[in-house]
């Protein structure tokens, strides 16, 4: 009797084991991972040597809002920031007078202002938007050549009025995959490099693809002469320099119109913001992960990873890190907080007296006094 019970238990355990193995190997996942070659992580050394310059942030209370993903100042001198709820907040530079300027019904990530004072927003759900000073929302573009803009991420407005927008992924739309962070994880694990940069001409009301083939196209900024765009390729730890007059350029193919300005960075580059004195600020949402890099040539292992509970996904630990570079690619500032107390530092907005630090999930808006030259 005991032997029979033992055999029954053994067969049951074997069946459960086989079912688990079958699940891990065959359960459908939304990604179709592509093999690639991740460069050896440089670690924190040289210009990125560990430091504590980003610690001790002072905080502006956002009154229950979360995720000041992007920060910029309008022509009215007010500070504007976008948050997870979909609200766009407006306040004085010290955080006082806080109010909801607009809610787009989606999630604006990056934004800029045009010459008329309209807030031009990259809405991850709705596309490229214009928000008038009275809060009225207008969709400028939600398609390019008939193809939907699935993940509008960042935007910059040139002096000639043209707008340059990153469409982070043409595979994973945040609205369909649980949100902006979840969709970004799927896209970066897949490495199918479907991100692109789009130019929108408001005078002609037309949109065109400037460049494509980018592994999660993220922050965008213009060079000082506005002849080139800087574009963060988050999934491959680098920053591209791309000519604004490129047309449907596949960056996988060598071209004089595009080159890598910063390569093999120590983290996932997120936003780009023009600072003072010719600087461009870049934030790292997360540090590099050896577990993720080591899966570069094993697409099957990345598929298996997504079959695990989310708590077991190889998401890197928080690590505060922002840098500034010049148009020639020289890193001129590096601020770190190894504790990661202020989560997912996405970039910096620099004024004459402060550095405002952007974040994906912080519950306040952090800032530091601007260091004196």
Protein backbone atom coordinates (compact mmCIF):
# COMPACT_ATOMS: atom_id res chain seq x y z
CA UNK A 1 0.00 0.00 0.00
CA UNK A 2 2.81 2.37 0.94
CA UNK A 3 4.71 1.49 -2.22
CA UNK A 4 1.67 2.14 -4.38
CA UNK A 5 1.10 5.51 -2.73
CA UNK A 6 4.78 6.39 -3.25
CA UNK A 7 4.56 5.47 -6.92
CA UNK A 8 1.39 7.52 -7.33
CA UNK A 9 3.04 10.51 -5.68
CA UNK A 10 6.14 10.06 -7.82
CA UNK A 11 4.13 9.94 -11.03
CA UNK A 12 2.22 13.04 -9.92
CA UNK A 13 5.44 14.94 -9.24
CA UNK A 14 6.87 13.83 -12.57
CA UNK A 15 3.72 15.02 -14.32
CA UNK A 16 3.92 18.41 -12.66
CA UNK A 17 7.59 18.69 -13.58
CA UNK A 18 6.87 17.86 -17.21
CA UNK A 19 4.01 20.35 -17.26
CA UNK A 20 6.30 23.05 -15.83
CA UNK A 21 9.03 22.29 -18.36
CA UNK A 22 6.47 22.36 -21.19
CA UNK A 23 5.18 25.72 -19.93
CA UNK A 24 8.66 27.25 -19.71
CA UNK A 25 9.58 26.03 -23.18
CA UNK A 26 6.37 26.42 -25.13
CA UNK A 27 3.89 28.85 -23.53
CA UNK A 28 3.27 31.70 -26.01
CA UNK A 29 4.97 35.01 -25.26
CA UNK A 30 4.51 38.32 -27.11
CA UNK A 31 8.15 38.68 -28.16
CA UNK A 32 10.10 37.12 -31.03
CA UNK A 33 13.65 37.68 -29.74
CA UNK A 34 16.50 38.42 -32.15
CA UNK A 35 20.10 37.45 -31.47
CA UNK A 36 22.56 40.31 -31.19
CA UNK A 37 26.02 40.99 -29.80
CA UNK A 38 26.09 43.11 -26.65
CA UNK A 39 29.41 44.90 -26.07
CA UNK A 40 31.23 44.09 -22.86
CA UNK A 41 29.90 46.45 -20.19
CA UNK A 42 32.46 49.16 -19.36
CA UNK A 43 31.46 49.38 -15.72
CA UNK A 44 31.87 52.55 -13.68
CA UNK A 45 35.32 53.88 -14.48
CA UNK A 46 37.05 56.77 -16.23
CA UNK A 47 34.62 59.64 -16.77
CA UNK A 48 31.93 57.43 -15.20
CA UNK A 49 33.90 56.61 -12.02
CA UNK A 50 31.54 56.15 -9.04
CA UNK A 51 30.58 59.34 -7.22
CA UNK A 52 27.90 60.76 -4.95
CA UNK A 53 27.14 63.99 -6.83
CA UNK A 54 23.46 63.14 -7.32
CA UNK A 55 22.73 62.34 -3.68
CA UNK A 56 20.81 64.62 -1.36
CA UNK A 57 18.25 65.84 -3.87
CA UNK A 58 15.82 68.43 -2.59
CA UNK A 59 12.22 67.52 -3.36
CA UNK A 60 9.17 69.33 -4.68
CA UNK A 61 6.01 67.61 -3.46
CA UNK A 62 3.81 66.62 -6.41
CA UNK A 63 0.74 66.11 -4.21
CA UNK A 64 0.24 62.44 -4.92
CA UNK A 65 1.37 62.48 -8.54
CA UNK A 66 4.10 60.12 -9.72
CA UNK A 67 6.75 60.05 -12.44
CA UNK A 68 7.92 63.54 -13.53
CA UNK A 69 9.20 62.00 -16.76
CA UNK A 70 10.02 65.28 -18.46
CA UNK A 71 10.52 68.85 -17.24
CA UNK A 72 10.66 72.06 -19.28
CA UNK A 73 9.94 75.76 -18.88
CA UNK A 74 7.30 77.56 -20.92
CA UNK A 75 7.38 81.09 -22.27
CA UNK A 76 5.39 82.11 -19.20
CA UNK A 77 8.35 81.19 -16.97
CA UNK A 78 6.42 78.33 -15.42
CA UNK A 79 7.80 74.83 -14.89
CA UNK A 80 5.85 72.10 -16.69
CA UNK A 81 6.12 68.38 -16.06
CA UNK A 82 4.27 65.27 -17.20
CA UNK A 83 3.22 62.56 -14.75
CA UNK A 84 1.93 59.00 -14.76
CA UNK A 85 -1.75 59.95 -14.32
CA UNK A 86 -1.70 61.66 -17.72
CA UNK A 87 -1.77 65.10 -16.17
CA UNK A 88 0.58 67.84 -17.27
CA UNK A 89 1.42 69.93 -14.22
CA UNK A 90 2.32 73.61 -14.20
CA UNK A 91 3.99 75.43 -11.29
CA UNK A 92 6.44 78.11 -10.30
CA UNK A 93 10.11 77.12 -10.37
CA UNK A 94 10.08 76.52 -6.60
CA UNK A 95 7.05 74.21 -6.84
CA UNK A 96 4.50 76.70 -5.55
CA UNK A 97 1.29 77.52 -7.40
CA UNK A 98 0.98 73.94 -8.60
CA UNK A 99 -1.96 73.18 -10.91
CA UNK A 100 -3.08 70.78 -13.63
CA UNK A 101 -2.47 72.47 -16.97
CA UNK A 102 -3.98 69.73 -19.13
CA UNK A 103 -4.82 66.05 -19.34
CA UNK A 104 -4.53 64.46 -22.76
CA UNK A 105 -6.32 61.22 -21.93
CA UNK A 106 -3.06 59.41 -22.67
CA UNK A 107 0.47 59.68 -21.31
CA UNK A 108 2.72 62.49 -22.52
CA UNK A 109 6.37 61.53 -22.06
CA UNK A 110 8.61 64.11 -23.73
CA UNK A 111 7.55 67.59 -24.81
CA UNK A 112 8.82 70.92 -26.07
CA UNK A 113 7.32 74.33 -26.85
CA UNK A 114 6.85 75.84 -30.31
CA UNK A 115 7.30 79.50 -31.20
CA UNK A 116 3.63 80.25 -30.48
CA UNK A 117 3.89 78.89 -26.94
CA UNK A 118 2.02 75.66 -27.62
CA UNK A 119 3.21 72.62 -25.69
CA UNK A 120 4.17 69.97 -28.25
CA UNK A 121 3.81 66.57 -26.59
CA UNK A 122 4.89 63.05 -27.47
CA UNK A 123 1.95 61.10 -26.10
CA UNK A 124 2.68 57.36 -25.85
CA UNK A 125 -1.00 56.59 -26.44
CA UNK A 126 -2.23 59.32 -28.80
CA UNK A 127 0.80 60.36 -30.88
CA UNK A 128 2.13 63.88 -31.49
CA UNK A 129 -0.01 66.52 -29.81
CA UNK A 130 -0.23 70.30 -29.61
CA UNK A 131 -1.63 71.76 -26.40
CA UNK A 132 -2.55 75.43 -26.60
CA UNK A 133 -1.93 77.86 -23.69
CA UNK A 134 -5.62 77.47 -22.75
CA UNK A 135 -5.18 73.67 -22.46
CA UNK A 136 -6.94 72.70 -25.70
CA UNK A 137 -5.47 69.46 -27.10
CA UNK A 138 -5.02 68.88 -30.86
CA UNK A 139 -3.62 65.74 -32.47
CA UNK A 140 -0.95 66.74 -35.01
CA UNK A 141 0.03 63.26 -36.15
CA UNK A 142 -0.86 59.72 -35.13
CA UNK A 143 0.33 58.06 -38.33
CA UNK A 144 3.24 58.30 -40.74
CA UNK A 145 2.71 57.05 -44.31
CA UNK A 146 -0.46 55.35 -43.06
CA UNK A 147 1.36 53.43 -40.32
CA UNK A 148 0.29 54.19 -36.72
CA UNK A 149 2.69 55.92 -34.35
CA UNK A 150 2.59 53.29 -31.62
CA UNK A 151 4.92 54.64 -28.94
CA UNK A 152 5.56 58.38 -29.18
CA UNK A 153 8.33 59.01 -26.70
CA UNK A 154 10.28 62.25 -27.11
CA UNK A 155 10.03 65.38 -29.26
CA UNK A 156 12.08 68.46 -30.01
CA UNK A 157 11.02 71.55 -31.99
CA UNK A 158 13.51 73.19 -34.37
CA UNK A 159 13.70 76.93 -34.95
CA UNK A 160 12.18 76.45 -38.40
CA UNK A 161 9.11 74.94 -36.71
CA UNK A 162 9.71 71.34 -37.73
CA UNK A 163 9.23 68.73 -35.01
CA UNK A 164 11.30 65.60 -34.51
CA UNK A 165 9.61 62.74 -32.71
CA UNK A 166 10.89 59.36 -31.55
CA UNK A 167 8.53 56.41 -32.04
CA UNK A 168 10.23 54.05 -29.61
CA UNK A 169 8.77 50.79 -30.92
CA UNK A 170 6.53 49.84 -33.82
CA UNK A 171 5.97 46.44 -32.15
CA UNK A 172 4.83 47.24 -28.62
CA UNK A 173 2.30 49.99 -27.98
CA UNK A 174 2.01 50.94 -24.27
CA UNK A 175 -1.78 50.95 -24.45
CA UNK A 176 -1.77 47.31 -25.57
CA UNK A 177 0.97 45.97 -23.32
CA UNK A 178 0.31 47.31 -19.83
CA UNK A 179 2.01 50.70 -19.93
CA UNK A 180 5.12 52.50 -21.06
CA UNK A 181 7.58 50.66 -18.82
CA UNK A 182 6.16 47.22 -19.61
CA UNK A 183 6.20 47.88 -23.36
CA UNK A 184 9.81 49.11 -23.16
CA UNK A 185 10.90 45.91 -21.39
CA UNK A 186 9.30 43.79 -24.11
CA UNK A 187 10.90 45.80 -26.89
CA UNK A 188 14.38 45.76 -25.36
CA UNK A 189 14.27 42.04 -24.62
CA UNK A 190 13.12 41.31 -28.17
CA UNK A 191 15.83 43.45 -29.85
CA UNK A 192 13.97 43.61 -33.16
CA UNK A 193 15.05 47.27 -33.51
CA UNK A 194 11.84 48.74 -34.88
CA UNK A 195 12.16 52.21 -33.36
CA UNK A 196 12.29 55.26 -35.61
CA UNK A 197 12.57 59.03 -35.74
CA UNK A 198 9.82 61.02 -37.46
CA UNK A 199 9.79 64.58 -38.75
CA UNK A 200 6.52 66.48 -38.64
CA UNK A 201 6.22 69.67 -40.69
CA UNK A 202 3.36 71.76 -39.23
CA UNK A 203 3.35 74.11 -42.21
CA UNK A 204 2.69 71.28 -44.66
CA UNK A 205 0.96 69.06 -42.07
CA UNK A 206 3.02 66.10 -43.23
CA UNK A 207 5.06 63.47 -41.45
CA UNK A 208 7.97 61.40 -42.73
CA UNK A 209 10.44 58.88 -41.33
CA UNK A 210 13.94 60.30 -40.88
CA UNK A 211 15.61 57.10 -39.62
CA UNK A 212 14.57 53.61 -38.54
CA UNK A 213 16.04 50.36 -37.25
CA UNK A 214 16.65 51.72 -33.74
CA UNK A 215 16.47 49.48 -30.67
CA UNK A 216 13.98 51.48 -28.61
CA UNK A 217 14.32 55.03 -29.96
CA UNK A 218 14.16 57.29 -26.95
CA UNK A 219 15.40 60.82 -26.19
CA UNK A 220 15.99 63.30 -29.02
CA UNK A 221 17.86 66.62 -29.11
CA UNK A 222 19.11 68.92 -31.85
CA UNK A 223 22.72 69.87 -32.44
CA UNK A 224 23.47 73.55 -31.91
CA UNK A 225 23.40 74.22 -35.67
CA UNK A 226 20.21 72.11 -35.94
CA UNK A 227 21.65 70.07 -38.81
CA UNK A 228 21.72 66.87 -36.78
CA UNK A 229 19.65 65.00 -34.24
CA UNK A 230 21.00 63.17 -31.24
CA UNK A 231 18.94 60.05 -30.61
CA UNK A 232 19.22 57.66 -27.68
CA UNK A 233 19.15 54.01 -28.70
CA UNK A 234 18.20 52.66 -25.30
CA UNK A 235 18.30 48.95 -26.15
CA UNK A 236 21.91 49.10 -27.37
CA UNK A 237 23.37 51.59 -24.87
CA UNK A 238 24.34 54.30 -27.35
CA UNK A 239 23.60 57.73 -28.79
CA UNK A 240 23.30 58.35 -32.53
CA UNK A 241 24.03 61.51 -34.48
CA UNK A 242 21.68 61.59 -37.47
CA UNK A 243 21.33 64.26 -40.18
CA UNK A 244 17.91 65.93 -40.08
CA UNK A 245 17.68 65.67 -43.86
CA UNK A 246 18.06 61.88 -43.84
CA UNK A 247 15.06 60.12 -45.35
CA UNK A 248 13.87 56.68 -44.20
CA UNK A 249 17.45 55.81 -43.31
CA UNK A 250 18.06 52.30 -41.97
CA UNK A 251 20.79 52.85 -39.39
CA UNK A 252 21.87 49.22 -39.72
CA UNK A 253 23.33 50.18 -43.09
CA UNK A 254 26.49 52.35 -43.09
CA UNK A 255 25.75 55.92 -44.17
CA UNK A 256 27.51 59.28 -43.96
CA UNK A 257 24.21 60.64 -42.64
CA UNK A 258 24.41 58.74 -39.34
CA UNK A 259 27.12 57.76 -36.89
CA UNK A 260 27.34 56.64 -33.26
CA UNK A 261 28.34 59.58 -31.06
CA UNK A 262 28.48 57.77 -27.70
CA UNK A 263 28.82 53.99 -27.57
CA UNK A 264 28.77 51.21 -24.97
CA UNK A 265 27.37 53.36 -22.19
CA UNK A 266 27.14 52.03 -18.61
CA UNK A 267 23.34 52.14 -18.52
CA UNK A 268 20.12 52.46 -20.51
CA UNK A 269 20.06 56.02 -21.95
CA UNK A 270 16.63 57.63 -21.69
CA UNK A 271 15.92 61.34 -22.25
CA UNK A 272 18.08 64.05 -23.80
CA UNK A 273 17.81 67.71 -22.84
CA UNK A 274 19.71 70.76 -24.05
CA UNK A 275 21.44 72.45 -21.12
CA UNK A 276 23.49 75.60 -20.73
CA UNK A 277 26.91 76.28 -22.23
CA UNK A 278 26.37 73.92 -25.17
CA UNK A 279 25.77 70.84 -23.02
CA UNK A 280 23.30 68.05 -23.65
CA UNK A 281 22.05 66.18 -20.57
CA UNK A 282 21.36 62.45 -20.70
CA UNK A 283 19.83 60.27 -18.00
CA UNK A 284 20.14 56.53 -17.45
CA UNK A 285 16.86 54.89 -16.49
CA UNK A 286 18.72 51.79 -15.26
CA UNK A 287 22.29 50.50 -15.09
CA UNK A 288 23.48 47.67 -17.35
CA UNK A 289 22.56 44.11 -16.32
CA UNK A 290 24.97 41.22 -16.87
CA UNK A 291 22.00 38.83 -16.84
CA UNK A 292 20.43 40.64 -19.80
CA UNK A 293 23.69 41.15 -21.71
CA UNK A 294 24.57 37.46 -21.33
CA UNK A 295 21.33 36.50 -23.10
CA UNK A 296 22.25 38.48 -26.22
CA UNK A 297 22.96 35.41 -28.39
CA UNK A 298 20.24 33.25 -26.79
CA UNK A 299 16.82 34.41 -27.99
CA UNK A 300 15.17 31.29 -26.56
CA UNK A 301 16.37 32.22 -23.06
CA UNK A 302 14.82 35.68 -23.35
CA UNK A 303 11.51 34.06 -24.33
CA UNK A 304 11.78 31.73 -21.35
CA UNK A 305 12.44 34.69 -19.05
CA UNK A 306 9.08 36.24 -19.93
CA UNK A 307 7.34 33.03 -18.86
CA UNK A 308 8.59 33.56 -15.33
CA UNK A 309 6.68 35.63 -12.75
CA UNK A 310 7.41 39.31 -13.27
CA UNK A 311 9.25 39.43 -9.93
CA UNK A 312 11.86 37.13 -11.47
CA UNK A 313 12.44 39.22 -14.60
CA UNK A 314 16.05 40.49 -14.80
CA UNK A 315 15.18 44.15 -14.20
CA UNK A 316 18.32 46.02 -13.08
CA UNK A 317 18.41 47.55 -9.62
CA UNK A 318 17.87 51.32 -9.25
CA UNK A 319 20.97 53.48 -9.71
CA UNK A 320 20.79 57.24 -10.11
CA UNK A 321 22.98 58.46 -12.97
CA UNK A 322 22.96 61.46 -15.33
CA UNK A 323 25.68 62.82 -17.59
CA UNK A 324 26.24 65.82 -19.85
CA UNK A 325 28.12 65.83 -23.14
CA UNK A 326 29.04 68.32 -25.85
CA UNK A 327 28.28 68.20 -29.55
CA UNK A 328 31.57 66.44 -30.23
CA UNK A 329 30.68 63.61 -27.86
CA UNK A 330 32.87 64.66 -24.91
CA UNK A 331 31.40 63.84 -21.50
CA UNK A 332 31.73 66.97 -19.34
CA UNK A 333 29.63 66.06 -16.29
CA UNK A 334 28.75 62.83 -14.47
CA UNK A 335 26.46 62.73 -11.43
CA UNK A 336 25.61 59.50 -9.63
CA UNK A 337 23.64 58.17 -6.70
CA UNK A 338 24.50 54.48 -6.27
CA UNK A 339 21.69 54.07 -3.74
CA UNK A 340 19.06 54.70 -6.42
CA UNK A 341 16.97 56.60 -3.88
CA UNK A 342 15.47 58.71 -6.68
CA UNK A 343 14.31 56.04 -9.15
CA UNK A 344 14.98 55.97 -12.91
CA UNK A 345 16.78 59.28 -13.46
CA UNK A 346 15.83 60.01 -17.05
CA UNK A 347 17.56 63.38 -17.67
CA UNK A 348 18.21 66.86 -16.31
CA UNK A 349 16.59 70.21 -16.99
CA UNK A 350 19.21 72.90 -16.33
CA UNK A 351 18.48 76.50 -15.38
CA UNK A 352 20.82 79.27 -14.24
CA UNK A 353 20.57 78.12 -10.62
CA UNK A 354 19.14 74.58 -10.55
CA UNK A 355 19.37 71.09 -12.01
CA UNK A 356 15.90 69.51 -12.08
CA UNK A 357 16.14 65.72 -12.30
CA UNK A 358 13.55 63.84 -14.33
CA UNK A 359 12.27 60.42 -13.24
CA UNK A 360 9.99 57.62 -14.44
CA UNK A 361 8.52 56.71 -11.07
CA UNK A 362 9.57 59.21 -8.38
CA UNK A 363 6.78 60.60 -6.21
CA UNK A 364 8.37 64.02 -6.10
CA UNK A 365 10.40 66.27 -8.35
CA UNK A 366 14.07 66.26 -7.34
CA UNK A 367 16.50 69.12 -7.81
CA UNK A 368 20.02 70.24 -6.93
CA UNK A 369 21.60 73.67 -6.84
CA UNK A 370 23.47 74.12 -10.11
CA UNK A 371 27.22 73.74 -9.54
CA UNK A 372 29.17 76.91 -10.17
CA UNK A 373 31.58 76.75 -13.13
